Amino acid sequence: MVKDMLMASTTDPFQNTLLINSLCRLGVSYHFETQIEQQLTHCFHTLSQLVHNSDYNLHEIAIMFLVFKSHGYNMSSDVFNKFKDGDGEFKVSDIKEMISLYESSQSRINGELILDEACTFTTSQLKSMVSQTSTHYAQYIENALCCPYQRGVPRLEARQYICFYEKDDDEARNETLLKFAKYDFNRIQMMLQQELSNLCSEWKEENMESRFPYARNRIVECFFSAIAIYFEPCYARSCNTYAKPLSSLALIDDTYDAYGTYEELQYFTDAIQRFDIDAIDELLTNYLKLAYKTILNIHNQVEDKVKKERRSYAVSYLINEFKKLAEAYLVERRWVHGCYMPTFDEYMDTALKSSAAIVSVCQALIGMEEADETAYQWLINTDNKLHKALNIIARLYDDIQTNEDEEKRGLVSGTSCYMKQYGVTRQEAVEAFREMIEVAWKDMNEGCLKPMPVSNKIAVRALNVARLVLVLYKKDNGFTRPELYLKDAIAKLLIHPIPL
């Protein structure tokens, strides 16, 4: 029935786009990817003439802009010029237009000055509206200001939007679509619960928590991270394939940051560069031997899976990035060992690698049979704008939330390096980081625009890693202290079904 609605809506371009927006926001667009792509491609070719010759309001234009941009179509931001008055101020008639303009501004790229203005304007206005509007809209605004749709984890955004959509008294609400979205969310949740149960059983059998008491035991958080990257049923089993290698990142991070001595870690890094079980005899302590063997075993399990798909190259790329990560961790440990404070530029040269963002995407692509060698070459290409933007987002969000904790533990933090190089306060350093993050988000948006050497399915996994980072670090270090707020997000996705 929903598919019939989608096909019937093509007679009216705006209604078609509005329905596609609802499908995306409600988390069910994956059912209709082919139809949506065909319809947007057809509509985009006539979009300029359509917008010019039609009397669409700001809300309608903003929705169309967001839908096309989020699907990789570079719709011109000039369409917003007509919504400014003679003084250059935006003409916004109601809260719906304000929210739509704000959300569309989050998909801006560098150079779209009118959307920079729109973001500043709507952010200020929406903050003042929170206390003056209904509880229903106030909650939506607070969520959007904290984490806009374009930057949000898709499954979390769907959960929140279903609740908003259900309570909205807008005449455009479609009860059939709402019911479908609820059933679909709960159906997927049940599938993911089973996959998580299987993963936890394996984890318990392997006795990981007692074998590595110094490391964070975060297998559920790793599974949540997998859902953030891909929730679609066709990737359900891939969540486990992603979660276990991700757990190895937590293990290696804690080994370098919190446990190993500098001398021990030099040998450990050399062993990782070899990535061969024979290198285990060179390690100085039993706990490093156990950690090394565990890392190799996890990657061997992944390799067994991709060999059946004739995709052994995927593990080769993953291991190469893992080696770079270990080298970066050792450099950071060398700074601590030598009581050395690098310049911010020197810090970033290493810290972008130690963000582990590219390794995370490599791990995610393992679970996608459509991720061919071209996808990996695109991902690791440092000239790829999305590559650098992802690293910056991951690095600086982390630094903003963890800098004081890391300094207390004697580690080098990005904020300290920035404060020293530029002679600024901690707060000024954090504000500078936020500005750099905003530029990086624009680059991420641009990196997901057509034409691309890879499909949108591939590019969106890198985008989802950036979205995950925002969720993990938007209030604190969610991975280290999930009890503060991340546990609520996990419960929404994996424990509590949506009432029907």
Protein backbone atom coordinates (compact mmCIF):
# COMPACT_ATOMS: atom_id res chain seq x y z
CA MET A 1 0.00 0.00 0.00
CA VAL A 2 2.82 2.44 0.87
CA LYS A 3 4.54 1.61 -2.41
CA ASP A 4 1.31 2.44 -4.25
CA MET A 5 1.19 5.78 -2.43
CA LEU A 6 4.75 6.51 -3.51
CA MET A 7 4.07 5.71 -7.15
CA ALA A 8 0.82 7.72 -7.16
CA SER A 9 2.54 10.80 -5.70
CA THR A 10 4.73 11.29 -8.79
CA THR A 11 2.00 13.39 -10.44
CA ASP A 12 2.79 16.21 -7.99
CA PRO A 13 6.56 16.82 -7.52
CA PHE A 14 6.17 18.48 -4.13
CA GLN A 15 3.82 15.81 -2.75
CA ASN A 16 6.24 13.21 -4.07
CA THR A 17 9.16 14.88 -2.29
CA LEU A 18 7.12 15.35 0.88
CA LEU A 19 6.26 11.65 0.95
CA ILE A 20 9.88 10.69 0.37
CA ASN A 21 10.85 12.96 3.25
CA SER A 22 8.31 11.23 5.51
CA LEU A 23 9.56 7.79 4.47
CA CYS A 24 13.13 8.82 5.30
CA ARG A 25 12.28 10.49 8.60
CA LEU A 26 10.15 7.53 9.71
CA GLY A 27 12.95 5.08 8.93
CA VAL A 28 11.23 3.06 6.21
CA SER A 29 12.74 4.50 3.02
CA TYR A 30 15.09 1.51 2.71
CA HIS A 31 12.11 -0.51 1.45
CA PHE A 32 11.82 1.75 -1.60
CA GLU A 33 15.39 2.78 -2.42
CA THR A 34 15.15 2.00 -6.13
CA GLN A 35 11.84 3.82 -6.62
CA ILE A 36 13.00 6.84 -4.61
CA GLU A 37 16.23 7.13 -6.57
CA GLN A 38 14.39 6.92 -9.89
CA GLN A 39 11.84 9.53 -8.84
CA LEU A 40 14.41 11.98 -7.48
CA THR A 41 16.59 11.63 -10.58
CA HIS A 42 13.62 12.34 -12.82
CA CYS A 43 12.47 15.30 -10.74
CA PHE A 44 15.95 16.82 -10.34
CA HIS A 45 16.36 17.35 -14.08
CA THR A 46 13.32 19.64 -14.12
CA LEU A 47 13.76 21.05 -10.62
CA SER A 48 15.06 24.50 -11.53
CA GLN A 49 12.14 25.21 -13.84
CA LEU A 50 9.70 23.68 -11.37
CA VAL A 51 10.82 25.88 -8.47
CA HIS A 52 11.00 29.01 -10.62
CA ASN A 53 7.49 28.58 -12.02
CA SER A 54 5.76 27.51 -8.80
CA ASP A 55 4.68 29.42 -5.72
CA TYR A 56 6.14 27.12 -3.08
CA ASN A 57 6.43 28.49 0.45
CA LEU A 58 9.58 28.37 2.58
CA HIS A 59 8.63 25.12 4.32
CA GLU A 60 8.06 23.37 0.99
CA ILE A 61 11.30 24.64 -0.56
CA ALA A 62 13.27 23.70 2.55
CA ILE A 63 11.86 20.16 2.54
CA MET A 64 12.69 19.73 -1.14
CA PHE A 65 16.21 21.09 -0.58
CA LEU A 66 16.88 18.73 2.33
CA VAL A 67 15.55 15.67 0.50
CA PHE A 68 17.60 16.28 -2.63
CA LYS A 69 20.78 17.21 -0.74
CA SER A 70 20.54 14.19 1.57
CA HIS A 71 20.28 11.93 -1.49
CA GLY A 72 23.36 13.43 -3.12
CA TYR A 73 21.71 15.93 -5.49
CA ASN A 74 23.32 19.36 -5.39
CA MET A 75 20.25 21.59 -5.36
CA SER A 76 21.24 25.26 -5.46
CA SER A 77 20.83 27.26 -2.26
CA ASP A 78 19.78 30.22 -4.43
CA VAL A 79 16.20 28.97 -4.00
CA PHE A 80 16.21 30.62 -0.57
CA ASN A 81 17.00 34.12 -1.86
CA LYS A 82 13.35 34.96 -2.45
CA PHE A 83 12.60 34.39 1.23
CA LYS A 84 14.60 37.44 2.31
CA ASP A 85 13.17 40.93 2.73
CA GLY A 86 14.67 44.23 1.67
CA ASP A 87 16.86 44.34 4.78
CA GLY A 88 18.29 40.90 4.09
CA GLU A 89 16.31 39.24 6.88
CA PHE A 90 14.57 35.90 6.41
CA LYS A 91 10.80 36.03 6.06
CA VAL A 92 9.54 33.14 8.18
CA SER A 93 5.82 32.90 8.86
CA ASP A 94 5.54 30.08 11.41
CA ILE A 95 7.39 27.52 13.52
CA LYS A 96 7.16 24.86 10.82
CA GLU A 97 9.01 27.07 8.34
CA MET A 98 11.59 27.94 11.01
CA ILE A 99 12.29 24.27 11.75
CA SER A 100 12.42 23.31 8.07
CA LEU A 101 14.85 26.14 7.27
CA TYR A 102 17.04 25.12 10.21
CA GLU A 103 17.09 21.45 9.18
CA SER A 104 17.86 22.26 5.55
CA SER A 105 20.73 24.56 6.59
CA GLN A 106 22.46 21.55 8.15
CA SER A 107 23.04 20.06 4.69
CA ARG A 108 24.98 23.12 3.52
CA ILE A 109 28.41 22.95 1.94
CA ASN A 110 31.25 25.47 2.03
CA GLY A 111 30.40 28.62 0.10
CA GLU A 112 26.65 28.51 0.70
CA LEU A 113 26.63 31.77 2.64
CA ILE A 114 22.87 32.13 2.64
CA LEU A 115 22.58 28.83 4.50
CA ASP A 116 25.26 29.91 6.97
CA GLU A 117 23.03 32.91 7.66
CA ALA A 118 19.98 30.67 7.84
CA CYS A 119 21.66 28.40 10.38
CA THR A 120 22.67 31.31 12.62
CA PHE A 121 19.25 32.93 12.35
CA THR A 122 17.15 29.82 12.93
CA THR A 123 19.34 28.53 15.77
CA SER A 124 18.84 31.78 17.66
CA GLN A 125 15.12 31.92 16.92
CA LEU A 126 14.45 28.29 17.82
CA LYS A 127 16.24 28.63 21.15
CA SER A 128 13.89 31.45 22.07
CA MET A 129 10.85 29.50 20.83
CA VAL A 130 11.38 26.47 23.07
CA SER A 131 9.71 28.08 26.08
CA GLN A 132 6.94 29.65 24.00
CA THR A 133 5.61 26.70 22.03
CA SER A 134 3.77 23.47 22.81
CA THR A 135 5.51 20.64 24.65
CA HIS A 136 5.23 18.61 21.45
CA TYR A 137 7.19 21.10 19.35
CA ALA A 138 9.49 22.12 22.20
CA GLN A 139 10.81 18.55 22.47
CA TYR A 140 11.36 18.38 18.72
CA ILE A 141 13.23 21.69 18.73
CA GLU A 142 15.45 20.67 21.65
CA ASN A 143 16.34 17.41 19.90
CA ALA A 144 17.05 19.22 16.62
CA LEU A 145 19.26 21.85 18.26
CA CYS A 146 21.21 19.15 20.07
CA CYS A 147 21.47 16.89 17.03
CA PRO A 148 19.97 17.95 13.68
CA TYR A 149 18.42 15.29 11.46
CA GLN A 150 21.24 15.52 8.90
CA ARG A 151 23.77 14.74 11.65
CA GLY A 152 21.72 12.22 13.61
CA VAL A 153 22.00 8.44 13.78
CA PRO A 154 19.23 7.27 11.39
CA ARG A 155 17.63 4.74 13.72
CA LEU A 156 17.51 7.14 16.66
CA GLU A 157 16.13 9.87 14.42
CA ALA A 158 13.42 7.51 13.19
CA ARG A 159 12.41 6.57 16.73
CA GLN A 160 12.11 10.22 17.75
CA TYR A 161 10.31 11.27 14.58
CA ILE A 162 7.72 8.49 14.80
CA CYS A 163 6.71 9.82 18.23
CA PHE A 164 6.62 13.41 16.93
CA TYR A 165 4.70 12.43 13.79
CA GLU A 166 2.10 10.55 15.83
CA LYS A 167 1.35 13.55 18.05
CA ASP A 168 1.45 16.14 15.29
CA ASP A 169 -2.00 17.49 14.45
CA ASP A 170 -0.85 18.41 10.95
CA GLU A 171 -3.43 17.42 8.37
CA ALA A 172 -0.63 15.93 6.24
CA ARG A 173 -0.09 13.06 8.70
CA ASN A 174 -0.73 9.71 7.07
CA GLU A 175 -2.10 7.08 9.46
CA THR A 176 -1.24 4.20 7.13
CA LEU A 177 2.35 5.35 6.92
CA LEU A 178 2.55 5.87 10.68
CA LYS A 179 1.27 2.37 11.41
CA PHE A 180 3.68 0.87 8.88
CA ALA A 181 6.63 2.73 10.45
CA LYS A 182 5.74 1.52 13.95
CA TYR A 183 5.43 -2.12 12.93
CA ASP A 184 8.62 -1.93 10.90
CA PHE A 185 10.61 -0.39 13.76
CA ASN A 186 9.45 -3.07 16.21
CA ARG A 187 10.08 -5.85 13.69
CA ILE A 188 13.67 -4.74 13.16
CA GLN A 189 14.15 -4.28 16.89
CA MET A 190 13.22 -7.93 17.46
CA MET A 191 15.73 -9.04 14.81
CA LEU A 192 18.47 -6.93 16.37
CA GLN A 193 17.67 -8.24 19.85
CA GLN A 194 18.32 -11.77 18.61
CA GLU A 195 21.59 -10.75 16.97
CA LEU A 196 22.71 -8.99 20.15
CA SER A 197 21.81 -12.06 22.21
CA ASN A 198 23.98 -14.20 19.92
CA LEU A 199 26.84 -11.74 20.16
CA CYS A 200 26.70 -11.53 23.96
CA SER A 201 26.69 -15.33 24.20
CA GLU A 202 29.83 -15.51 22.07
CA TRP A 203 31.42 -12.75 24.12
CA LYS A 204 30.65 -14.55 27.36
CA GLU A 205 32.01 -17.85 26.03
CA GLU A 206 35.25 -16.12 25.08
CA ASN A 207 35.48 -14.74 28.63
CA MET A 208 36.62 -11.36 27.35
CA GLU A 209 35.80 -9.33 30.45
CA SER A 210 37.89 -11.40 32.86
CA ARG A 211 40.72 -11.84 30.35
CA PHE A 212 41.14 -8.07 30.00
CA PRO A 213 40.09 -6.48 33.30
CA TYR A 214 41.86 -3.21 32.43
CA ALA A 215 39.87 -2.69 29.22
CA ARG A 216 36.37 -1.30 28.83
CA ASN A 217 33.85 -4.09 28.36
CA ARG A 218 31.57 -2.41 25.84
CA ILE A 219 30.21 -5.11 23.56
CA VAL A 220 26.63 -3.76 23.79
CA GLU A 221 27.88 -0.27 22.96
CA CYS A 222 29.80 -1.75 20.02
CA PHE A 223 26.59 -3.38 18.79
CA PHE A 224 24.75 -0.07 19.18
CA SER A 225 27.50 1.49 17.06
CA ALA A 226 26.88 -1.14 14.41
CA ILE A 227 23.18 -0.25 14.32
CA ALA A 228 24.18 3.38 13.86
CA ILE A 229 26.10 2.40 10.73
CA TYR A 230 23.51 0.06 9.27
CA PHE A 231 20.19 -1.03 10.73
CA GLU A 232 18.58 -2.44 7.58
CA PRO A 233 17.51 -6.11 7.86
CA CYS A 234 19.83 -7.15 5.03
CA TYR A 235 22.74 -6.10 7.27
CA ALA A 236 21.42 -7.56 10.55
CA ARG A 237 24.10 -10.22 10.79
CA SER A 238 26.71 -7.72 9.66
CA CYS A 239 26.18 -5.90 12.96
CA ASN A 240 28.03 -8.72 14.73
CA THR A 241 30.71 -8.72 12.04
CA TYR A 242 31.25 -5.04 12.79
CA ALA A 243 30.85 -5.12 16.56
CA LYS A 244 33.61 -7.65 17.28
CA PRO A 245 36.38 -5.86 15.33
CA LEU A 246 35.18 -2.60 16.89
CA SER A 247 35.68 -4.15 20.31
CA SER A 248 39.30 -4.76 19.32
CA LEU A 249 39.68 -0.99 18.85
CA ALA A 250 38.54 -0.43 22.43
CA LEU A 251 40.99 -3.09 23.59
CA ILE A 252 43.95 -1.62 21.75
CA ASP A 253 43.04 1.93 22.79
CA ASP A 254 42.95 0.99 26.47
CA THR A 255 46.15 -1.02 26.12
CA TYR A 256 48.04 2.01 24.79
CA ASP A 257 46.36 4.68 26.91
CA ALA A 258 45.92 3.07 30.27
CA TYR A 259 47.97 -0.06 30.78
CA GLY A 260 51.08 -0.81 28.75
CA THR A 261 54.50 0.71 29.43
CA TYR A 262 56.24 2.56 26.63
CA GLU A 263 58.85 -0.20 26.18
CA GLU A 264 56.17 -2.91 26.08
CA LEU A 265 54.13 -0.95 23.56
CA GLN A 266 57.09 -0.53 21.22
CA TYR A 267 57.28 -4.31 20.87
CA PHE A 268 53.50 -4.53 20.67
CA THR A 269 53.43 -2.02 17.81
CA ASP A 270 56.16 -3.90 15.97
CA ALA A 271 54.13 -7.10 16.31
CA ILE A 272 51.01 -5.40 14.93
CA GLN A 273 53.01 -4.23 11.92
CA ARG A 274 53.83 -7.88 11.22
CA PHE A 275 50.29 -9.08 12.00
CA ASP A 276 51.53 -12.64 12.26
CA ILE A 277 51.12 -15.09 15.13
CA ASP A 278 54.88 -15.79 15.03
CA ALA A 279 55.47 -12.24 16.31
CA ILE A 280 53.84 -13.13 19.63
CA ASP A 281 57.13 -14.48 21.03
CA GLU A 282 58.64 -10.99 20.84
CA LEU A 283 56.12 -9.56 23.30
CA LEU A 284 57.31 -8.98 26.84
CA THR A 285 54.24 -9.77 28.92
CA ASN A 286 51.48 -12.35 28.96
CA TYR A 287 48.70 -9.75 28.85
CA LEU A 288 50.12 -8.28 25.62
CA LYS A 289 50.44 -11.75 24.14
CA LEU A 290 46.81 -12.41 25.01
CA ALA A 291 45.69 -9.06 23.58
CA TYR A 292 47.69 -9.65 20.40
CA LYS A 293 46.31 -13.15 19.93
CA THR A 294 42.76 -11.88 20.50
CA ILE A 295 43.16 -9.15 17.88
CA LEU A 296 44.52 -11.65 15.35
CA ASN A 297 41.70 -14.11 16.09
CA ILE A 298 39.01 -11.47 15.59
CA HIS A 299 40.46 -10.46 12.24
CA ASN A 300 40.90 -14.10 11.22
CA GLN A 301 37.20 -14.66 11.88
CA VAL A 302 36.39 -11.69 9.67
CA GLU A 303 38.72 -12.99 6.97
CA ASP A 304 37.01 -16.39 6.99
CA LYS A 305 33.72 -14.62 6.29
CA VAL A 306 34.91 -12.47 3.39
CA LYS A 307 36.87 -15.30 1.78
CA LYS A 308 33.56 -17.01 1.10
CA GLU A 309 32.47 -13.86 -0.71
CA ARG A 310 35.80 -13.59 -2.57
CA ARG A 311 36.50 -10.27 -0.85
CA SER A 312 39.80 -10.99 0.92
CA TYR A 313 41.00 -7.55 -0.16
CA ALA A 314 38.59 -6.07 2.42
CA VAL A 315 40.58 -7.52 5.32
CA SER A 316 43.86 -6.39 3.75
CA TYR A 317 42.68 -2.79 3.71
CA LEU A 318 41.34 -3.10 7.26
CA ILE A 319 44.60 -4.51 8.61
CA ASN A 320 46.65 -1.80 6.89
CA GLU A 321 44.53 0.90 8.54
CA PHE A 322 44.77 -0.94 11.86
CA LYS A 323 48.57 -0.83 11.57
CA LYS A 324 48.47 2.94 10.97
CA LEU A 325 46.29 3.31 14.04
CA ALA A 326 48.76 1.40 16.22
CA GLU A 327 51.63 3.57 14.95
CA ALA A 328 49.68 6.71 15.81
CA TYR A 329 48.90 5.40 19.29
CA LEU A 330 52.61 4.74 19.85
CA VAL A 331 53.55 8.28 18.78
CA GLU A 332 51.06 9.67 21.30
CA ARG A 333 52.47 7.40 24.00
CA ARG A 334 55.99 8.57 23.06
CA TRP A 335 54.93 12.16 23.74
CA VAL A 336 53.81 11.18 27.24
CA HIS A 337 56.95 9.12 27.86
CA GLY A 338 59.18 12.01 26.81
CA CYS A 339 57.09 14.73 28.51
CA TYR A 340 56.75 16.35 25.09
CA MET A 341 54.02 18.83 24.17
CA PRO A 342 53.64 18.96 20.36
CA THR A 343 52.32 21.93 18.45
CA PHE A 344 48.66 21.68 17.52
CA ASP A 345 49.58 21.08 13.88
CA GLU A 346 51.94 18.26 14.87
CA TYR A 347 49.32 16.86 17.20
CA MET A 348 46.67 16.80 14.49
CA ASP A 349 48.96 15.06 12.03
CA THR A 350 49.00 12.06 14.36
CA ALA A 351 45.66 12.50 16.13
CA LEU A 352 43.64 12.41 12.91
CA LYS A 353 44.95 8.87 12.43
CA SER A 354 44.36 7.91 16.07
CA SER A 355 40.72 9.01 15.83
CA ALA A 356 40.13 5.50 14.40
CA ALA A 357 37.40 6.86 12.12
CA ILE A 358 38.75 5.37 8.90
CA VAL A 359 39.38 2.01 10.59
CA SER A 360 35.76 2.08 11.77
CA VAL A 361 34.45 2.61 8.24
CA CYS A 362 36.72 -0.16 6.93
CA GLN A 363 35.19 -2.44 9.55
CA ALA A 364 31.69 -1.39 8.54
CA LEU A 365 32.31 -2.07 4.85
CA ILE A 366 33.30 -5.64 5.74
CA GLY A 367 29.62 -6.38 6.26
CA MET A 368 28.60 -5.04 2.85
CA GLU A 369 29.04 -7.40 -0.07
CA GLU A 370 28.59 -4.44 -2.42
CA ALA A 371 31.74 -2.80 -0.99
CA ASP A 372 34.23 -3.64 -3.74
CA GLU A 373 37.89 -2.69 -3.88
CA THR A 374 37.02 0.69 -5.42
CA ALA A 375 35.10 1.54 -2.24
CA TYR A 376 38.15 0.91 -0.06
CA GLN A 377 40.46 2.83 -2.37
CA TRP A 378 38.04 5.76 -2.26
CA LEU A 379 37.85 5.62 1.53
CA ILE A 380 41.58 5.58 2.27
CA ASN A 381 42.41 8.25 -0.32
CA THR A 382 43.64 11.18 1.76
CA ASP A 383 42.73 13.57 -1.08
CA ASN A 384 39.12 12.52 -0.60
CA LYS A 385 37.43 15.48 1.12
CA LEU A 386 35.19 13.15 3.09
CA HIS A 387 38.22 11.24 4.42
CA LYS A 388 39.77 14.25 6.14
CA ALA A 389 36.42 15.67 7.28
CA LEU A 390 35.49 12.41 8.98
CA ASN A 391 38.80 12.30 10.83
CA ILE A 392 38.43 15.91 11.99
CA ILE A 393 34.89 15.35 13.25
CA ALA A 394 35.88 12.20 15.13
CA ARG A 395 39.05 13.72 16.57
CA LEU A 396 37.71 17.07 17.73
CA TYR A 397 34.40 15.85 19.19
CA ASP A 398 36.48 13.39 21.21
CA ASP A 399 38.94 16.10 22.30
CA ILE A 400 36.20 18.50 23.39
CA GLN A 401 34.66 15.95 25.76
CA THR A 402 37.74 14.10 27.00
CA ASN A 403 40.48 16.75 27.22
CA GLU A 404 40.30 17.35 30.98
CA ASP A 405 40.12 13.64 31.82
CA GLU A 406 43.08 12.89 29.57
CA GLU A 407 45.18 15.67 31.08
CA LYS A 408 44.48 14.31 34.58
CA ARG A 409 45.82 10.95 33.38
CA GLY A 410 48.96 12.60 32.01
CA LEU A 411 48.00 12.24 28.34
CA VAL A 412 48.46 14.89 25.65
CA SER A 413 45.19 16.59 24.70
CA GLY A 414 44.37 18.57 21.59
CA THR A 415 43.06 21.50 23.61
CA SER A 416 46.34 21.84 25.53
CA CYS A 417 48.31 21.81 22.27
CA TYR A 418 46.01 24.44 20.77
CA MET A 419 46.14 26.62 23.90
CA LYS A 420 49.93 26.53 23.90
CA GLN A 421 50.37 27.22 20.17
CA TYR A 422 47.86 30.08 19.97
CA GLY A 423 47.98 31.46 23.51
CA VAL A 424 44.26 31.10 24.18
CA THR A 425 42.06 29.85 27.01
CA ARG A 426 40.54 26.39 27.15
CA GLN A 427 37.11 27.77 26.28
CA GLU A 428 38.54 29.63 23.28
CA ALA A 429 40.23 26.42 22.13
CA VAL A 430 36.94 24.52 22.41
CA GLU A 431 35.13 27.21 20.40
CA ALA A 432 37.84 27.01 17.73
CA PHE A 433 37.34 23.23 17.62
CA ARG A 434 33.59 23.69 17.15
CA GLU A 435 34.23 26.03 14.23
CA MET A 436 36.57 23.47 12.65
CA ILE A 437 33.92 20.79 13.16
CA GLU A 438 31.33 22.94 11.36
CA VAL A 439 33.63 23.30 8.35
CA ALA A 440 34.24 19.54 8.41
CA TRP A 441 30.49 18.83 8.40
CA LYS A 442 30.17 20.99 5.29
CA ASP A 443 32.95 18.97 3.69
CA MET A 444 31.19 15.75 4.69
CA ASN A 445 28.02 17.01 3.02
CA GLU A 446 29.94 17.94 -0.11
CA GLY A 447 31.72 14.59 -0.14
CA CYS A 448 28.34 12.84 -0.33
CA LEU A 449 27.15 14.74 -3.41
CA LYS A 450 26.92 13.20 -6.85
CA PRO A 451 28.86 12.35 -8.90
CA MET A 452 30.88 10.05 -6.66
CA PRO A 453 33.22 7.15 -7.47
CA VAL A 454 31.15 5.01 -5.09
CA SER A 455 27.45 4.51 -4.53
CA ASN A 456 25.48 6.51 -1.99
CA LYS A 457 25.09 3.26 -0.01
CA ILE A 458 28.84 3.23 0.58
CA ALA A 459 29.27 6.95 1.24
CA VAL A 460 26.49 7.04 3.80
CA ARG A 461 28.36 4.50 5.98
CA ALA A 462 31.19 7.02 6.38
CA LEU A 463 28.61 9.71 7.09
CA ASN A 464 26.99 7.44 9.67
CA VAL A 465 30.31 7.02 11.49
CA ALA A 466 30.46 10.81 11.83
CA ARG A 467 26.86 10.79 13.06
CA LEU A 468 27.72 8.09 15.58
CA VAL A 469 30.62 10.14 16.90
CA LEU A 470 28.28 13.07 17.54
CA VAL A 471 25.90 10.84 19.49
CA LEU A 472 28.76 9.33 21.51
CA TYR A 473 30.34 12.68 22.39
CA LYS A 474 27.56 15.27 22.27
CA LYS A 475 27.29 15.48 26.07
CA ASP A 476 30.16 13.45 27.51
CA ASN A 477 32.24 10.42 26.58
CA GLY A 478 29.35 8.07 25.95
CA PHE A 479 31.52 5.06 25.19
CA THR A 480 33.44 5.31 28.47
CA ARG A 481 30.47 6.43 30.60
CA PRO A 482 27.38 5.07 28.82
CA GLU A 483 25.31 5.31 32.00
CA LEU A 484 25.15 9.11 31.68
CA TYR A 485 23.00 9.20 28.54
CA LEU A 486 23.98 6.56 25.98
CA LYS A 487 22.12 3.83 27.85
CA ASP A 488 18.86 5.66 27.13
CA ALA A 489 19.60 5.68 23.41
CA ILE A 490 20.47 1.98 23.53
CA ALA A 491 17.22 1.24 25.37
CA LYS A 492 15.18 3.09 22.74
CA LEU A 493 16.70 1.03 19.93
CA LEU A 494 17.13 -2.37 21.54
CA ILE A 495 14.78 -2.73 24.52
CA HIS A 496 11.62 -0.65 24.34
CA PRO A 497 9.27 -1.23 21.39
CA ILE A 498 7.08 1.59 20.10
CA PRO A 499 3.52 1.28 21.46
CA LEU A 500 1.15 0.41 18.64
